[in-house]
Amino acid sequence: MDHDRILMGVVGRPHGVRGLVRVHSYAAVAEDLAAYGALTDDRGQVWTLRWCGEGIAELRDASGQPLAGRDAAQALVNRQLYVARDRLPEPDQDEFYFADLIGLSVVQQGTDVPLGRVLIVHDYGAGVSLEIGGEGRTLILPFTQACFPVVDIGAGRIEVVLPDEVEVQGDLSRDATVEVVSS
């Protein structure tokens, strides 16, 4: 896992015909994404970002050229934007970046029975979940205080309380909102 860069945004669909794009920012204050300066994408290209409206941005390449038009903007859809970790503030005690969870050992609380390691942190907008892999199986659990009461980055481990069941409530259609409840 690359802990030198932190995922801070994702390029969305084009906005208009002049090369503007929608950008989903993971910064605590979305507009702060532009303040971090140069962003690198998941292919190693360097970009700068200037907000042009709420969620709408102009991206410029390493030479300072804006995107040429809608087709160039469309080619960047789903491109992940990273900030060098050393340009981000250190998290407070009991806080962490999701990237810090990747690779941590996951043990069952109270028994120290190992369940595997955190493989992926998923965030699709309805709540964060952790994908845990080990011993030929994969678990995906909601990243809640109830399921993960102890996250100890320093010790390199997370303690899990396995729910008896995980229930997804709500409308599961394409654009609906759902809630994940563990019991």
Protein backbone atom coordinates (compact mmCIF):
# COMPACT_ATOMS: atom_id res chain seq x y z
CA MET A 1 0.00 0.00 0.00
CA ASP A 2 1.25 3.47 -0.87
CA HIS A 3 1.11 5.38 2.44
CA ASP A 4 2.96 8.37 0.93
CA ARG A 5 -0.20 9.52 -0.87
CA ILE A 6 -3.72 9.92 0.44
CA LEU A 7 -6.79 9.67 -1.80
CA MET A 8 -8.47 13.07 -1.57
CA GLY A 9 -10.81 13.22 -4.56
CA VAL A 10 -12.29 11.54 -7.60
CA VAL A 11 -13.03 13.10 -10.97
CA GLY A 12 -16.67 12.77 -11.96
CA ARG A 13 -18.53 13.41 -15.18
CA PRO A 14 -17.87 16.41 -17.42
CA HIS A 15 -19.70 19.68 -16.83
CA GLY A 16 -20.48 21.50 -20.05
CA VAL A 17 -18.37 21.45 -23.21
CA ARG A 18 -15.31 23.45 -22.13
CA GLY A 19 -13.45 20.76 -20.17
CA LEU A 20 -14.80 21.39 -16.69
CA VAL A 21 -15.40 18.34 -14.50
CA ARG A 22 -17.32 17.44 -11.39
CA VAL A 23 -14.95 16.49 -8.57
CA HIS A 24 -15.90 14.62 -5.42
CA SER A 25 -13.59 15.91 -2.68
CA TYR A 26 -12.79 13.84 0.41
CA ALA A 27 -11.38 16.85 2.27
CA ALA A 28 -13.24 17.79 5.47
CA VAL A 29 -14.10 21.05 3.69
CA ALA A 30 -14.46 20.14 0.01
CA GLU A 31 -13.03 23.43 -1.25
CA ASP A 32 -9.74 22.75 0.61
CA LEU A 33 -8.75 20.23 -2.06
CA ALA A 34 -7.52 23.08 -4.26
CA ALA A 35 -5.33 24.43 -1.43
CA TYR A 36 -3.13 21.31 -1.42
CA GLY A 37 -1.54 22.34 -4.73
CA ALA A 38 -0.38 19.64 -7.12
CA LEU A 39 -2.46 16.48 -7.12
CA THR A 40 -1.33 13.20 -8.68
CA ASP A 41 -3.76 10.77 -10.19
CA ASP A 42 -3.75 6.99 -10.09
CA ARG A 43 -1.69 6.95 -13.31
CA GLY A 44 1.01 9.29 -12.01
CA GLN A 45 -0.12 12.39 -13.92
CA VAL A 46 0.10 15.73 -12.09
CA TRP A 47 -2.89 18.10 -11.95
CA THR A 48 -3.85 21.37 -10.33
CA LEU A 49 -7.43 22.14 -9.52
CA ARG A 50 -9.38 25.40 -9.43
CA TRP A 51 -12.97 25.41 -8.25
CA CYS A 52 -15.44 27.08 -10.63
CA GLY A 53 -18.60 26.35 -8.68
CA GLU A 54 -19.92 23.92 -6.12
CA GLY A 55 -18.32 20.59 -7.03
CA ILE A 56 -17.27 21.88 -10.48
CA ALA A 57 -13.56 22.30 -11.21
CA GLU A 58 -11.07 23.17 -13.88
CA LEU A 59 -8.15 20.73 -14.00
CA ARG A 60 -4.81 21.77 -15.47
CA ASP A 61 -2.03 19.35 -16.38
CA ALA A 62 1.61 19.60 -15.26
CA SER A 63 2.35 22.15 -17.99
CA GLY A 64 -0.54 24.36 -16.86
CA GLN A 65 -2.87 23.53 -19.76
CA PRO A 66 -6.59 23.13 -18.98
CA LEU A 67 -8.53 20.19 -20.38
CA ALA A 68 -9.22 20.79 -24.09
CA GLY A 69 -12.94 20.06 -23.95
CA ARG A 70 -15.69 17.64 -23.05
CA ASP A 71 -13.95 14.61 -24.61
CA ALA A 72 -10.78 15.24 -22.57
CA ALA A 73 -12.92 15.65 -19.44
CA GLN A 74 -14.81 12.43 -20.19
CA ALA A 75 -11.49 10.55 -20.43
CA LEU A 76 -10.78 11.45 -16.78
CA VAL A 77 -14.03 10.17 -15.27
CA ASN A 78 -13.32 8.08 -12.13
CA ARG A 79 -9.68 9.20 -12.04
CA GLN A 80 -8.54 9.19 -8.41
CA LEU A 81 -6.70 12.28 -7.13
CA TYR A 82 -4.06 11.98 -4.42
CA VAL A 83 -2.24 14.44 -2.17
CA ALA A 84 1.24 13.77 -0.82
CA ARG A 85 0.78 12.72 2.79
CA ASP A 86 3.41 15.17 4.04
CA ARG A 87 1.19 18.07 2.85
CA LEU A 88 -1.71 16.92 5.01
CA PRO A 89 -2.04 17.61 8.72
CA GLU A 90 -1.19 14.80 11.11
CA PRO A 91 -4.38 13.28 12.42
CA ASP A 92 -5.27 13.94 16.04
CA GLN A 93 -4.96 11.19 18.61
CA ASP A 94 -7.76 8.66 18.02
CA GLU A 95 -8.02 9.84 14.39
CA PHE A 96 -6.47 8.35 11.27
CA TYR A 97 -6.62 8.35 7.52
CA PHE A 98 -8.46 5.40 5.97
CA ALA A 99 -5.22 4.54 4.13
CA ASP A 100 -3.69 3.79 7.55
CA LEU A 101 -6.17 0.93 8.03
CA ILE A 102 -5.00 -1.02 4.99
CA GLY A 103 -2.86 -3.96 6.06
CA LEU A 104 -3.74 -3.81 9.76
CA SER A 105 -4.27 -7.11 11.53
CA VAL A 106 -7.88 -7.78 12.52
CA VAL A 107 -8.51 -9.85 15.65
CA GLN A 108 -11.73 -10.92 17.32
CA GLN A 109 -12.19 -8.84 20.48
CA GLY A 110 -11.74 -10.68 23.74
CA THR A 111 -10.20 -13.77 22.14
CA ASP A 112 -7.38 -12.32 20.02
CA VAL A 113 -8.37 -14.85 17.34
CA PRO A 114 -6.91 -13.48 14.08
CA LEU A 115 -9.43 -12.98 11.28
CA GLY A 116 -7.04 -11.57 8.68
CA ARG A 117 -5.95 -8.15 7.50
CA VAL A 118 -7.77 -5.11 6.18
CA LEU A 119 -7.61 -5.37 2.39
CA ILE A 120 -9.78 -2.46 1.26
CA VAL A 121 -11.76 0.40 2.77
CA HIS A 122 -15.01 0.84 0.83
CA ASP A 123 -16.95 4.10 0.88
CA TYR A 124 -19.85 4.20 -1.56
CA GLY A 125 -21.65 7.00 0.23
CA ALA A 126 -23.97 4.91 2.42
CA GLY A 127 -21.31 4.28 5.05
CA VAL A 128 -17.78 2.98 5.22
CA SER A 129 -17.07 -0.75 5.30
CA LEU A 130 -13.87 -2.75 5.68
CA GLU A 131 -12.98 -5.74 3.55
CA ILE A 132 -11.01 -8.23 5.61
CA GLY A 133 -9.19 -11.17 4.08
CA GLY A 134 -7.51 -14.17 5.59
CA GLU A 135 -7.50 -17.96 5.69
CA GLY A 136 -9.23 -18.25 2.33
CA ARG A 137 -12.22 -16.10 3.23
CA THR A 138 -13.26 -12.50 2.86
CA LEU A 139 -15.52 -10.52 5.17
CA ILE A 140 -17.03 -7.13 4.52
CA LEU A 141 -18.23 -5.41 7.65
CA PRO A 142 -19.65 -1.95 8.34
CA PHE A 143 -16.96 0.27 9.85
CA THR A 144 -18.91 1.22 12.95
CA GLN A 145 -18.00 1.58 16.61
CA ALA A 146 -20.17 -1.49 17.34
CA CYS A 147 -18.21 -3.73 14.94
CA PHE A 148 -14.77 -2.17 15.42
CA PRO A 149 -14.56 -0.83 18.99
CA VAL A 150 -10.74 -0.67 19.01
CA VAL A 151 -8.54 0.74 16.23
CA ASP A 152 -4.91 0.83 17.34
CA ILE A 153 -2.80 2.15 14.46
CA GLY A 154 0.36 2.14 16.62
CA ALA A 155 -0.03 -1.54 17.48
CA GLY A 156 -1.02 -2.37 13.89
CA ARG A 157 -4.32 -3.99 14.81
CA ILE A 158 -8.06 -3.59 14.90
CA GLU A 159 -10.39 -5.47 17.22
CA VAL A 160 -13.68 -6.65 15.77
CA VAL A 161 -16.95 -7.75 17.31
CA LEU A 162 -18.61 -9.88 14.67
CA PRO A 163 -22.29 -9.02 14.30
CA ASP A 164 -24.83 -11.82 14.49
CA GLU A 165 -26.24 -10.44 11.27
CA VAL A 166 -25.93 -7.45 8.98
CA GLU A 167 -29.15 -5.99 7.65
CA VAL A 168 -29.46 -3.52 4.80
CA GLN A 169 -32.52 -1.34 5.20
CA GLY A 170 -34.12 0.82 2.56
CA ASP A 171 -34.75 0.83 -1.14
CA LEU A 172 -31.99 -1.03 -2.99
CA SER A 173 -32.83 0.51 -6.36
CA ARG A 174 -30.17 2.40 -8.29
CA ASP A 175 -30.42 5.91 -6.81
CA ALA A 176 -31.84 5.09 -3.39
CA THR A 177 -30.34 5.59 0.04
CA VAL A 178 -29.75 2.58 2.26
CA GLU A 179 -28.71 2.14 5.86
CA VAL A 180 -26.54 -0.73 7.12
CA VAL A 181 -27.46 -1.97 10.57
CA SER A 182 -25.47 -4.59 12.46
CA SER A 183 -26.78 -6.53 15.41
